[in-house]
Every structure is written in C-alpha cells, then in structure tokens.
Amino acid sequence: MKFVFAYHGSGMPETEEEMKAVMAAWQSWMETHASAFTDMGNPIGQSATVGSGGSVSDGGGANPISGYSLIEAADLDAATAIAKACPILKAGGSVEVGQAVDM
C-alpha cells in the first residue's frame, strides 16, 4: 500500500551546527527505513490555498504542510510505526499519514 507523509510544523535551525544535526537525524531515519521510501520528498516553500469559490489565501492556514514523503507499507499501522520515529516530532512538529488510494 502507498502512503503519504505530510510533515507539519518545525522551524528552520538557527545555526549551521543545528542544521547539520537536523539533517543527520533525517538522513538516519530515512536510511533506517530506506526500503519503505519510494520518494524521499521535499520541503515545501511558499504555498497558497484555493477555495471552492476560487478564493486564494495563504497556504495551510494554522498548520501548513512543511514537506512530504511517499512510502510503501503493509497497512496504516505499519506506516504510522515508521512515522513515529520521524525527527520532526522531536522539534514539535507532526506527521500526517494518509493512504494513497489507487484509482
């Protein structure tokens, strides 16, 4: 089954040393679960939300997406088990896990 990890929250590290530590934590987590990741994803920059009436507002509202990844897992429980070790959680962020349904 395919799943989307949508990362929310967490700010940018303030120093180069903090940035290196954060990047090392993400690399370690992704390497640990390398067989599950089909797309390591990317951070998300500026975004906008388009409403049903065509209105456009700043993206994400109170909890905007800050990045994404795509994984393969047996089921939602297996996907959330991988997400529970995500480094963004230690920085106060969250991971939304959603099944990508084949159409």
Protein backbone atom coordinates (compact mmCIF):
# COMPACT_ATOMS: atom_id res chain seq x y z
CA MET A 1 0.00 0.00 0.00
CA LYS A 2 1.13 3.55 -0.70
CA PHE A 3 1.13 6.25 1.97
CA VAL A 4 1.83 9.98 2.03
CA PHE A 5 3.69 11.50 4.95
CA ALA A 6 2.74 15.20 5.20
CA TYR A 7 5.06 16.98 7.60
CA HIS A 8 3.70 19.90 9.62
CA GLY A 9 5.47 22.43 11.79
CA SER A 10 9.03 22.83 12.96
CA GLY A 11 11.11 25.85 12.14
CA MET A 12 14.47 26.17 10.46
CA PRO A 13 17.55 25.55 12.62
CA GLU A 14 19.22 28.77 13.75
CA THR A 15 22.86 27.73 13.40
CA GLU A 16 24.90 25.70 10.94
CA GLU A 17 25.65 23.20 13.72
CA GLU A 18 21.92 22.75 14.43
CA MET A 19 21.25 22.36 10.69
CA LYS A 20 23.87 19.60 10.43
CA ALA A 21 22.36 17.78 13.42
CA VAL A 22 18.83 18.02 11.99
CA MET A 23 19.95 16.82 8.56
CA ALA A 24 21.86 13.91 10.13
CA ALA A 25 18.75 12.87 12.11
CA TRP A 26 16.58 12.94 8.95
CA GLN A 27 19.19 11.02 6.95
CA SER A 28 19.50 8.36 9.66
CA TRP A 29 15.71 7.94 9.91
CA MET A 30 15.30 7.68 6.14
CA GLU A 31 18.22 5.24 5.82
CA THR A 32 16.74 3.07 8.57
CA HIS A 33 13.52 2.82 6.55
CA ALA A 34 15.05 3.11 3.06
CA SER A 35 13.16 0.10 1.72
CA ALA A 36 9.83 1.80 2.52
CA PHE A 37 10.53 5.18 0.92
CA THR A 38 9.53 5.42 -2.74
CA ASP A 39 10.05 9.21 -2.81
CA MET A 40 12.10 10.87 -0.07
CA GLY A 41 10.12 14.02 -0.82
CA ASN A 42 10.99 17.67 -0.40
CA PRO A 43 10.44 20.59 1.91
CA ILE A 44 7.53 22.85 0.94
CA GLY A 45 8.13 26.57 0.38
CA GLN A 46 5.59 29.28 -0.14
CA SER A 47 2.06 27.96 -0.72
CA ALA A 48 -1.50 29.12 -1.32
CA THR A 49 -4.90 27.57 -0.64
CA VAL A 50 -7.54 27.84 -3.37
CA GLY A 51 -11.10 27.66 -2.03
CA SER A 52 -14.15 26.20 -3.77
CA GLY A 53 -15.27 29.66 -4.90
CA GLY A 54 -11.87 30.43 -6.37
CA SER A 55 -10.67 32.50 -3.42
CA VAL A 56 -6.94 32.35 -2.72
CA SER A 57 -5.38 32.64 0.74
CA ASP A 58 -2.03 31.90 2.37
CA GLY A 59 -1.43 28.17 2.23
CA GLY A 60 -2.19 25.76 5.02
CA GLY A 61 -3.91 28.03 7.50
CA ALA A 62 -2.80 27.45 11.09
CA ASN A 63 -0.85 24.25 10.40
CA PRO A 64 0.71 24.42 6.92
CA ILE A 65 2.48 21.50 5.32
CA SER A 66 6.26 21.86 5.56
CA GLY A 67 7.24 18.81 3.47
CA TYR A 68 6.22 15.38 2.22
CA SER A 69 7.46 11.85 1.51
CA LEU A 70 5.91 8.79 -0.11
CA ILE A 71 6.30 5.30 1.32
CA GLU A 72 5.13 1.72 0.82
CA ALA A 73 3.86 -0.14 3.89
CA ALA A 74 1.70 -3.18 4.60
CA ASP A 75 -1.03 -1.11 6.26
CA LEU A 76 -1.74 2.11 8.17
CA ASP A 77 -0.32 0.67 11.39
CA ALA A 78 2.99 -0.12 9.68
CA ALA A 79 3.12 3.35 8.12
CA THR A 80 2.41 5.11 11.41
CA ALA A 81 5.08 2.98 13.13
CA ILE A 82 7.63 4.44 10.69
CA ALA A 83 6.26 7.97 11.20
CA LYS A 84 6.58 7.68 15.00
CA ALA A 85 10.38 7.87 14.67
CA CYS A 86 10.38 10.94 12.38
CA PRO A 87 12.79 13.67 13.55
CA ILE A 88 10.18 16.40 13.07
CA LEU A 89 8.38 15.09 16.17
CA LYS A 90 11.35 16.00 18.38
CA ALA A 91 11.16 19.55 17.01
CA GLY A 92 7.48 19.90 17.99
CA GLY A 93 6.08 19.09 14.55
CA SER A 94 3.76 16.34 13.38
CA VAL A 95 3.41 13.79 10.58
CA GLU A 96 0.06 13.26 8.92
CA VAL A 97 -0.12 9.75 7.45
CA GLY A 98 -2.61 9.10 4.67
CA GLN A 99 -3.16 6.14 2.37
CA ALA A 100 -2.81 6.98 -1.32
CA VAL A 101 -5.69 5.08 -2.87
CA ASP A 102 -5.11 3.65 -6.35
CA MET A 103 -7.81 4.71 -8.78
